[in-house]
Amino acid sequence: MSRRGLDESDFHSRPSKRGSRPRTKQRPEHSDAVTGLVTGVDRGRYTLLVGDATGNASDETVVTAMKARELTRTRVVVGDRVDVVGDVSGGEGSLARIVRIQERTSTLRRTADDTDPFERIVVANADQLVIVTALAQPEPRTGMIDRCVVAAYDAGMSVLLCLTKADLASPDVLRELYEPLGVEVVVTRRAPSGDLGDGANREADGANRAGQTAGGLVLAPESVEEVRDRLRGLVSVLVGHSGVGKSTLINALVPEAKRATGVVNDVTGRGRQTSTSAVALRLPVAETYDGWVVDTPGVRSFGLAHVEVAHLLHAFEDLDEVAQECPRGCTHLADAPDCALDDWIEASPEDERPARAARLNSFRRLLSSRTGPDA
């Protein structure tokens, strides 16, 4: 049998280390890239707003994008400002490419637990963490609130504690716990669907109908507006357990959001998770937009393995200044010997001592929450 002739397809070369050219480390500058705001993440696809992402919504385009190969190991999250190339027309079937992540102003992180070395980024570039907690059904968990406050202060964010279902229980105890920490507190209550006022405030009235719960209850319009006032002009991320009314509040604030709402299990006392991914929504104010709200899935724990004591102290300027006099290695806890914070209390005037003691006790409670339970 004759042997067929060989051609170039039969030649296979294995380049040697000596003879092969090294892959260049130079990357294209992408000078034609445009800026986009990440508003949603779903299985490797990113929803972006390209254009004027701070003012006029009519000048924006909704674009779907994926990460460039060089960003494979870099996490892109809701709130990120990114540089995008490719098809940014927003047309059906179009796909752009994220080539750079711009510098973040803040990064809210959490870990699965206090021993987990891997950090999860919840959201980027947020100004304020809104901790949504029900006063009843389910019962409030102060350990969880403490941990969220610690994570926010570590990220350099301000904190707003939103207490829901005030028609079922009083907010006074939680106010006394968190206001000494500089945490603002806002309270919402539910009202029967017929108790919506005279309809003069169309925005609040429409928002309440959108936020109606399965039990025929809606959020009182005045409480919705009080929350809205605290969110204006800011990027606020809402965090809370399932069943606390977070999605109902989102629907009242942003009627077009149409976030799914759930109920609390009568046996376990826990809510059913309805939000499955983080999403950024524009906050409507009157006839325009002023701020963003980021809805996140309900969380059961908030690990703080990434938080250092020094970072937490920085959030309390008065205590941080006093703590400079502490001995090296001082834990600043109640059992710490020679802690300068205790001397600060003892040396304070009689009329200031109760307020200082309340603030120090609150700080130490937060400090303990780094290694204590979140229940």
Protein backbone atom coordinates (compact mmCIF):
# COMPACT_ATOMS: atom_id res chain seq x y z
CA MET A 1 0.00 0.00 0.00
CA SER A 2 1.41 3.32 -1.05
CA ARG A 3 1.90 6.00 1.54
CA ARG A 4 0.03 9.24 0.89
CA GLY A 5 1.97 12.45 0.50
CA LEU A 6 2.40 14.71 3.53
CA ASP A 7 1.25 18.31 3.62
CA GLU A 8 1.41 21.17 6.14
CA SER A 9 -1.53 19.77 8.13
CA ASP A 10 0.64 16.84 9.14
CA PHE A 11 3.25 19.01 10.81
CA HIS A 12 2.82 19.59 14.55
CA SER A 13 5.25 21.84 16.35
CA ARG A 14 5.76 22.01 20.11
CA PRO A 15 7.60 25.28 20.74
CA SER A 16 10.44 25.07 23.20
CA LYS A 17 10.89 27.47 26.10
CA ARG A 18 13.94 28.86 24.38
CA GLY A 19 12.35 29.38 20.97
CA SER A 20 8.82 30.57 21.84
CA ARG A 21 8.02 34.25 22.14
CA PRO A 22 6.78 35.36 25.59
CA ARG A 23 3.24 36.64 25.78
CA THR A 24 3.22 40.42 25.92
CA LYS A 25 2.13 42.07 29.17
CA GLN A 26 0.98 45.16 27.34
CA ARG A 27 -2.76 45.67 27.34
CA PRO A 28 -4.77 47.94 25.06
CA GLU A 29 -5.57 51.35 26.56
CA HIS A 30 -9.21 51.24 25.46
CA SER A 31 -9.22 55.00 25.02
CA ASP A 32 -12.67 54.76 23.42
CA ALA A 33 -14.21 53.18 26.54
CA VAL A 34 -17.33 54.74 28.07
CA THR A 35 -18.36 54.72 31.72
CA GLY A 36 -21.19 52.57 32.99
CA LEU A 37 -22.82 51.97 36.38
CA VAL A 38 -23.43 48.34 37.36
CA THR A 39 -27.06 48.01 38.49
CA GLY A 40 -27.45 44.23 38.40
CA VAL A 41 -25.47 40.98 38.18
CA ASP A 42 -26.90 37.71 36.89
CA ARG A 43 -24.80 34.62 36.13
CA GLY A 44 -21.88 36.36 34.49
CA ARG A 45 -23.92 39.03 32.76
CA TYR A 46 -23.92 42.61 34.04
CA THR A 47 -26.66 45.18 33.60
CA LEU A 48 -25.18 48.67 33.19
CA LEU A 49 -26.46 52.19 32.82
CA VAL A 50 -24.32 54.03 30.29
CA GLY A 51 -24.58 57.78 29.96
CA ASP A 52 -25.62 60.35 32.54
CA ALA A 53 -25.85 57.97 35.51
CA THR A 54 -26.24 60.78 38.04
CA GLY A 55 -28.99 62.96 36.69
CA ASN A 56 -31.24 62.70 33.68
CA ALA A 57 -32.49 59.14 33.23
CA SER A 58 -33.67 59.89 29.68
CA ASP A 59 -30.05 60.25 28.53
CA GLU A 60 -29.06 56.75 29.70
CA THR A 61 -28.88 53.44 27.91
CA VAL A 62 -29.35 50.04 29.53
CA VAL A 63 -26.49 47.83 28.38
CA THR A 64 -25.70 44.16 28.93
CA ALA A 65 -22.01 43.36 29.34
CA MET A 66 -19.54 40.66 30.30
CA LYS A 67 -16.08 40.91 31.83
CA ALA A 68 -12.96 41.04 29.68
CA ARG A 69 -10.58 38.10 30.02
CA GLU A 70 -8.06 40.13 32.03
CA LEU A 71 -10.74 40.69 34.71
CA THR A 72 -11.58 36.99 35.11
CA ARG A 73 -10.49 36.88 38.75
CA THR A 74 -11.76 40.36 39.63
CA ARG A 75 -15.22 40.65 41.13
CA VAL A 76 -17.55 43.21 39.59
CA VAL A 77 -20.46 44.11 41.89
CA VAL A 78 -23.52 46.32 41.96
CA GLY A 79 -22.50 49.94 42.41
CA ASP A 80 -19.24 49.63 40.52
CA ARG A 81 -18.29 52.28 37.96
CA VAL A 82 -16.75 50.47 35.02
CA ASP A 83 -15.20 51.28 31.65
CA VAL A 84 -16.94 49.51 28.78
CA VAL A 85 -16.10 48.89 25.13
CA GLY A 86 -17.91 47.14 22.31
CA ASP A 87 -21.60 47.37 21.51
CA VAL A 88 -23.09 49.86 23.97
CA SER A 89 -26.19 50.52 21.87
CA GLY A 90 -28.37 48.55 24.26
CA GLY A 91 -30.08 46.81 21.35
CA GLU A 92 -31.54 43.34 21.63
CA GLY A 93 -28.79 40.73 21.57
CA SER A 94 -26.01 43.32 21.98
CA LEU A 95 -23.15 42.59 24.39
CA ALA A 96 -20.50 45.00 25.62
CA ARG A 97 -17.25 44.22 27.46
CA ILE A 98 -16.11 45.55 30.84
CA VAL A 99 -12.39 46.31 30.60
CA ARG A 100 -11.73 48.32 33.78
CA ILE A 101 -13.18 48.90 37.22
CA GLN A 102 -12.84 52.47 38.42
CA GLU A 103 -11.53 53.18 41.91
CA ARG A 104 -14.13 52.49 44.59
CA THR A 105 -15.05 55.10 47.20
CA SER A 106 -16.36 52.45 49.60
CA THR A 107 -16.66 48.67 49.70
CA LEU A 108 -19.16 46.93 51.97
CA ARG A 109 -17.86 43.44 52.75
CA ARG A 110 -18.91 40.43 54.78
CA THR A 111 -17.66 36.90 55.37
CA ALA A 112 -19.69 33.73 55.77
CA ASP A 113 -18.60 33.54 59.42
CA ASP A 114 -15.86 34.86 61.70
CA THR A 115 -13.36 32.17 60.64
CA ASP A 116 -13.88 32.44 56.89
CA PRO A 117 -10.85 34.08 55.21
CA PHE A 118 -12.77 34.84 52.02
CA GLU A 119 -14.50 38.21 51.81
CA ARG A 120 -17.73 38.75 49.90
CA ILE A 121 -18.29 42.23 48.50
CA VAL A 122 -21.92 43.19 49.03
CA VAL A 123 -21.92 46.50 47.14
CA ALA A 124 -19.45 49.16 46.00
CA ASN A 125 -19.54 52.96 46.18
CA ALA A 126 -22.45 53.17 48.62
CA ASP A 127 -22.77 56.11 51.03
CA GLN A 128 -25.14 54.64 53.57
CA LEU A 129 -26.09 51.25 54.99
CA VAL A 130 -29.78 50.96 55.86
CA ILE A 131 -30.33 48.12 58.33
CA VAL A 132 -33.96 47.06 58.01
CA THR A 133 -35.21 45.36 61.19
CA ALA A 134 -38.72 44.37 62.20
CA LEU A 135 -39.83 45.19 65.72
CA ALA A 136 -41.89 41.99 65.71
CA GLN A 137 -42.66 39.05 63.41
CA PRO A 138 -39.75 38.25 63.29
CA GLU A 139 -38.25 39.48 66.55
CA PRO A 140 -35.28 41.89 66.24
CA ARG A 141 -31.79 40.39 66.57
CA THR A 142 -29.48 42.98 68.09
CA GLY A 143 -26.41 40.85 67.45
CA MET A 144 -27.08 41.00 63.73
CA ILE A 145 -27.68 44.76 63.87
CA ASP A 146 -24.40 45.25 65.74
CA ARG A 147 -22.49 43.30 63.10
CA CYS A 148 -24.00 45.32 60.26
CA VAL A 149 -23.06 48.56 62.05
CA VAL A 150 -19.48 47.30 62.44
CA ALA A 151 -19.26 46.37 58.74
CA ALA A 152 -20.61 49.78 57.70
CA TYR A 153 -18.20 51.71 59.90
CA ASP A 154 -15.33 49.55 58.64
CA ALA A 155 -16.33 50.49 55.07
CA GLY A 156 -16.52 54.20 55.92
CA MET A 157 -20.30 54.34 55.45
CA SER A 158 -22.94 56.04 57.57
CA VAL A 159 -25.70 53.91 59.14
CA LEU A 160 -29.47 54.30 59.20
CA LEU A 161 -31.49 51.85 61.30
CA CYS A 162 -34.96 51.41 59.79
CA LEU A 163 -37.37 49.82 62.26
CA THR A 164 -40.45 48.33 60.57
CA LYS A 165 -43.82 47.13 61.90
CA ALA A 166 -44.03 49.77 64.63
CA ASP A 167 -47.77 49.04 64.73
CA LEU A 168 -46.85 45.77 66.50
CA ALA A 169 -44.18 46.89 69.02
CA SER A 170 -42.46 49.98 70.40
CA PRO A 171 -39.13 51.15 68.92
CA ASP A 172 -37.95 52.81 72.18
CA VAL A 173 -35.59 50.04 73.37
CA LEU A 174 -33.71 49.85 70.07
CA ARG A 175 -33.49 53.63 69.88
CA GLU A 176 -31.79 53.72 73.27
CA LEU A 177 -29.32 51.05 72.15
CA TYR A 178 -28.19 52.61 68.88
CA GLU A 179 -28.59 56.37 69.04
CA PRO A 180 -25.56 56.66 71.42
CA LEU A 181 -23.50 55.17 68.57
CA GLY A 182 -24.46 57.99 66.24
CA VAL A 183 -26.84 55.70 64.33
CA GLU A 184 -29.87 57.52 62.95
CA VAL A 185 -33.16 55.71 63.53
CA VAL A 186 -36.28 55.90 61.37
CA VAL A 187 -39.52 54.05 62.05
CA THR A 188 -42.21 52.76 59.69
CA ARG A 189 -45.62 51.39 60.52
CA ARG A 190 -48.29 49.55 58.62
CA ALA A 191 -51.88 50.74 58.23
CA PRO A 192 -55.06 49.17 56.81
CA SER A 193 -55.28 49.59 53.04
CA GLY A 194 -58.16 52.03 53.42
CA ASP A 195 -56.19 54.30 55.73
CA LEU A 196 -54.15 56.14 53.10
CA GLY A 197 -55.22 59.68 53.82
CA ASP A 198 -57.02 61.97 51.37
CA GLY A 199 -54.81 61.07 48.42
CA ALA A 200 -53.29 64.55 48.22
CA ASN A 201 -49.79 63.08 48.12
CA ARG A 202 -50.03 61.05 44.92
CA GLU A 203 -46.46 59.82 45.12
CA ALA A 204 -46.88 58.33 48.62
CA ASP A 205 -50.35 56.99 47.78
CA GLY A 206 -49.12 55.16 44.68
CA ALA A 207 -46.07 53.86 46.49
CA ASN A 208 -48.20 52.40 49.25
CA ARG A 209 -50.45 50.59 46.83
CA ALA A 210 -47.34 49.10 45.20
CA GLY A 211 -46.04 48.06 48.61
CA GLN A 212 -49.24 46.37 49.76
CA THR A 213 -48.64 43.16 51.70
CA ALA A 214 -50.41 39.85 51.41
CA GLY A 215 -52.28 40.58 54.65
CA GLY A 216 -54.04 43.65 53.25
CA LEU A 217 -51.74 46.08 55.08
CA VAL A 218 -49.75 48.92 53.56
CA LEU A 219 -47.07 51.26 54.84
CA ALA A 220 -48.36 54.52 56.28
CA PRO A 221 -47.55 57.29 53.74
CA GLU A 222 -45.92 59.60 56.27
CA SER A 223 -43.48 56.89 57.40
CA VAL A 224 -42.50 56.14 53.79
CA GLU A 225 -41.76 59.81 53.21
CA GLU A 226 -39.68 59.97 56.37
CA VAL A 227 -37.50 57.16 55.04
CA ARG A 228 -37.31 58.79 51.60
CA ASP A 229 -36.04 62.01 53.17
CA ARG A 230 -33.14 60.07 54.76
CA LEU A 231 -32.18 58.55 51.39
CA ARG A 232 -32.24 61.61 49.14
CA GLY A 233 -29.02 62.34 47.28
CA LEU A 234 -27.30 59.18 48.56
CA VAL A 235 -26.50 55.66 47.40
CA SER A 236 -28.10 53.53 50.11
CA VAL A 237 -27.86 49.76 50.41
CA LEU A 238 -30.63 47.96 52.31
CA VAL A 239 -29.70 44.90 54.36
CA GLY A 240 -31.87 42.75 56.60
CA HIS A 241 -33.20 39.33 57.45
CA SER A 242 -35.87 37.75 55.29
CA GLY A 243 -39.36 38.70 56.41
CA VAL A 244 -38.54 42.07 57.98
CA GLY A 245 -40.38 44.02 55.27
CA LYS A 246 -37.41 45.11 53.19
CA SER A 247 -38.99 44.32 49.82
CA THR A 248 -42.26 45.95 50.90
CA LEU A 249 -40.33 49.09 51.79
CA ILE A 250 -38.49 49.03 48.45
CA ASN A 251 -41.79 48.76 46.59
CA ALA A 252 -43.17 51.72 48.54
CA LEU A 253 -40.09 53.83 47.79
CA VAL A 254 -39.73 52.72 44.15
CA PRO A 255 -43.18 51.60 42.91
CA GLU A 256 -41.88 50.34 39.56
CA ALA A 257 -39.45 47.98 41.33
CA LYS A 258 -42.15 45.32 41.91
CA ARG A 259 -39.92 43.30 44.25
CA ALA A 260 -41.49 40.06 45.44
CA THR A 261 -42.68 40.05 49.05
CA GLY A 262 -43.00 37.10 51.41
CA VAL A 263 -44.43 36.16 54.78
CA VAL A 264 -42.98 34.97 58.08
CA ASN A 265 -43.19 31.26 58.90
CA ASP A 266 -45.35 30.79 62.01
CA VAL A 267 -43.26 27.83 63.20
CA THR A 268 -39.68 29.04 62.67
CA GLY A 269 -40.31 32.77 63.04
CA ARG A 270 -38.17 33.37 59.96
CA GLY A 271 -39.07 34.93 56.65
CA ARG A 272 -38.82 33.36 53.23
CA GLN A 273 -36.12 34.88 51.03
CA THR A 274 -37.68 36.72 48.11
CA SER A 275 -34.80 38.81 46.70
CA THR A 276 -32.27 36.54 45.01
CA SER A 277 -29.73 39.09 43.80
CA ALA A 278 -28.67 42.66 44.50
CA VAL A 279 -30.13 45.35 42.28
CA ALA A 280 -29.71 49.14 42.20
CA LEU A 281 -32.86 51.23 41.73
CA ARG A 282 -33.31 54.94 41.20
CA LEU A 283 -35.09 56.74 44.04
CA PRO A 284 -37.97 58.83 42.67
CA VAL A 285 -38.46 62.16 44.41
CA ALA A 286 -41.35 64.33 43.17
CA GLU A 287 -41.04 64.31 39.37
CA THR A 288 -37.33 63.50 39.18
CA TYR A 289 -34.76 61.14 40.72
CA ASP A 290 -32.47 61.91 43.63
CA GLY A 291 -30.44 58.99 44.93
CA TRP A 292 -30.20 55.23 44.61
CA VAL A 293 -31.40 52.32 46.72
CA VAL A 294 -29.71 48.92 46.45
CA ASP A 295 -31.87 45.96 47.44
CA THR A 296 -29.94 42.88 48.59
CA PRO A 297 -31.02 39.29 49.30
CA GLY A 298 -32.00 38.54 52.91
CA VAL A 299 -29.02 37.45 55.02
CA ARG A 300 -28.89 34.99 57.92
CA SER A 301 -25.40 35.91 59.14
CA PHE A 302 -22.85 38.68 58.73
CA GLY A 303 -19.29 37.49 59.33
CA LEU A 304 -16.68 40.07 60.37
CA ALA A 305 -13.42 38.17 59.92
CA HIS A 306 -12.12 41.03 57.77
CA VAL A 307 -12.67 43.81 60.35
CA GLU A 308 -9.75 45.09 62.43
CA VAL A 309 -10.24 46.79 65.80
CA ALA A 310 -8.30 49.87 64.65
CA HIS A 311 -10.69 50.36 61.73
CA LEU A 312 -13.68 50.18 64.04
CA LEU A 313 -12.15 52.71 66.43
CA HIS A 314 -11.67 55.19 63.60
CA ALA A 315 -15.45 55.48 63.33
CA PHE A 316 -15.55 56.91 66.88
CA GLU A 317 -13.28 59.95 66.74
CA ASP A 318 -13.63 60.82 70.43
CA LEU A 319 -12.86 57.27 71.60
CA ASP A 320 -10.09 56.85 69.03
CA GLU A 321 -8.29 59.91 70.37
CA VAL A 322 -8.52 58.67 73.96
CA ALA A 323 -7.43 55.14 73.00
CA GLN A 324 -4.07 56.49 71.83
CA GLU A 325 -3.09 56.52 75.52
CA CYS A 326 -3.88 52.83 76.00
CA PRO A 327 -1.02 50.36 76.56
CA ARG A 328 0.16 48.40 73.55
CA GLY A 329 -2.06 45.44 72.77
CA CYS A 330 -5.04 46.80 74.69
CA THR A 331 -8.28 45.12 73.59
CA HIS A 332 -10.43 48.06 74.81
CA LEU A 333 -12.95 45.59 76.23
CA ALA A 334 -14.46 45.91 79.70
CA ASP A 335 -11.90 43.50 81.23
CA ALA A 336 -8.88 45.17 79.61
CA PRO A 337 -6.39 46.32 82.31
CA ASP A 338 -5.33 49.99 82.32
CA CYS A 339 -7.61 50.87 79.41
CA ALA A 340 -7.57 54.64 78.91
CA LEU A 341 -11.24 54.58 77.96
CA ASP A 342 -12.17 53.69 81.54
CA ASP A 343 -10.06 56.58 82.81
CA TRP A 344 -11.90 58.84 80.34
CA ILE A 345 -15.18 57.94 82.01
CA GLU A 346 -13.84 58.43 85.54
CA ALA A 347 -12.36 61.85 84.69
CA SER A 348 -15.51 63.16 83.01
CA PRO A 349 -17.75 65.81 84.64
CA GLU A 350 -20.77 64.42 86.47
CA ASP A 351 -23.25 65.79 83.92
CA GLU A 352 -21.36 64.21 80.99
CA ARG A 353 -20.57 60.85 82.58
CA PRO A 354 -23.85 59.03 81.74
CA ALA A 355 -23.62 59.96 78.05
CA ARG A 356 -19.94 58.98 77.84
CA ALA A 357 -20.59 55.69 79.64
CA ALA A 358 -23.48 54.85 77.26
CA ARG A 359 -21.29 55.55 74.24
CA LEU A 360 -18.39 53.45 75.56
CA ASN A 361 -20.69 50.57 76.47
CA SER A 362 -22.21 50.66 72.99
CA PHE A 363 -18.76 50.68 71.39
CA ARG A 364 -17.66 47.71 73.49
CA ARG A 365 -20.83 45.86 72.52
CA LEU A 366 -19.93 46.36 68.85
CA LEU A 367 -16.38 45.27 69.56
CA SER A 368 -17.61 42.09 71.21
CA SER A 369 -19.87 41.36 68.25
CA ARG A 370 -16.80 40.70 66.07
CA THR A 371 -16.38 37.33 67.77
CA GLY A 372 -19.77 36.85 69.41
CA PRO A 373 -22.94 35.29 67.98
CA ASP A 374 -25.09 37.24 65.53
CA ALA A 375 -28.36 35.83 66.79
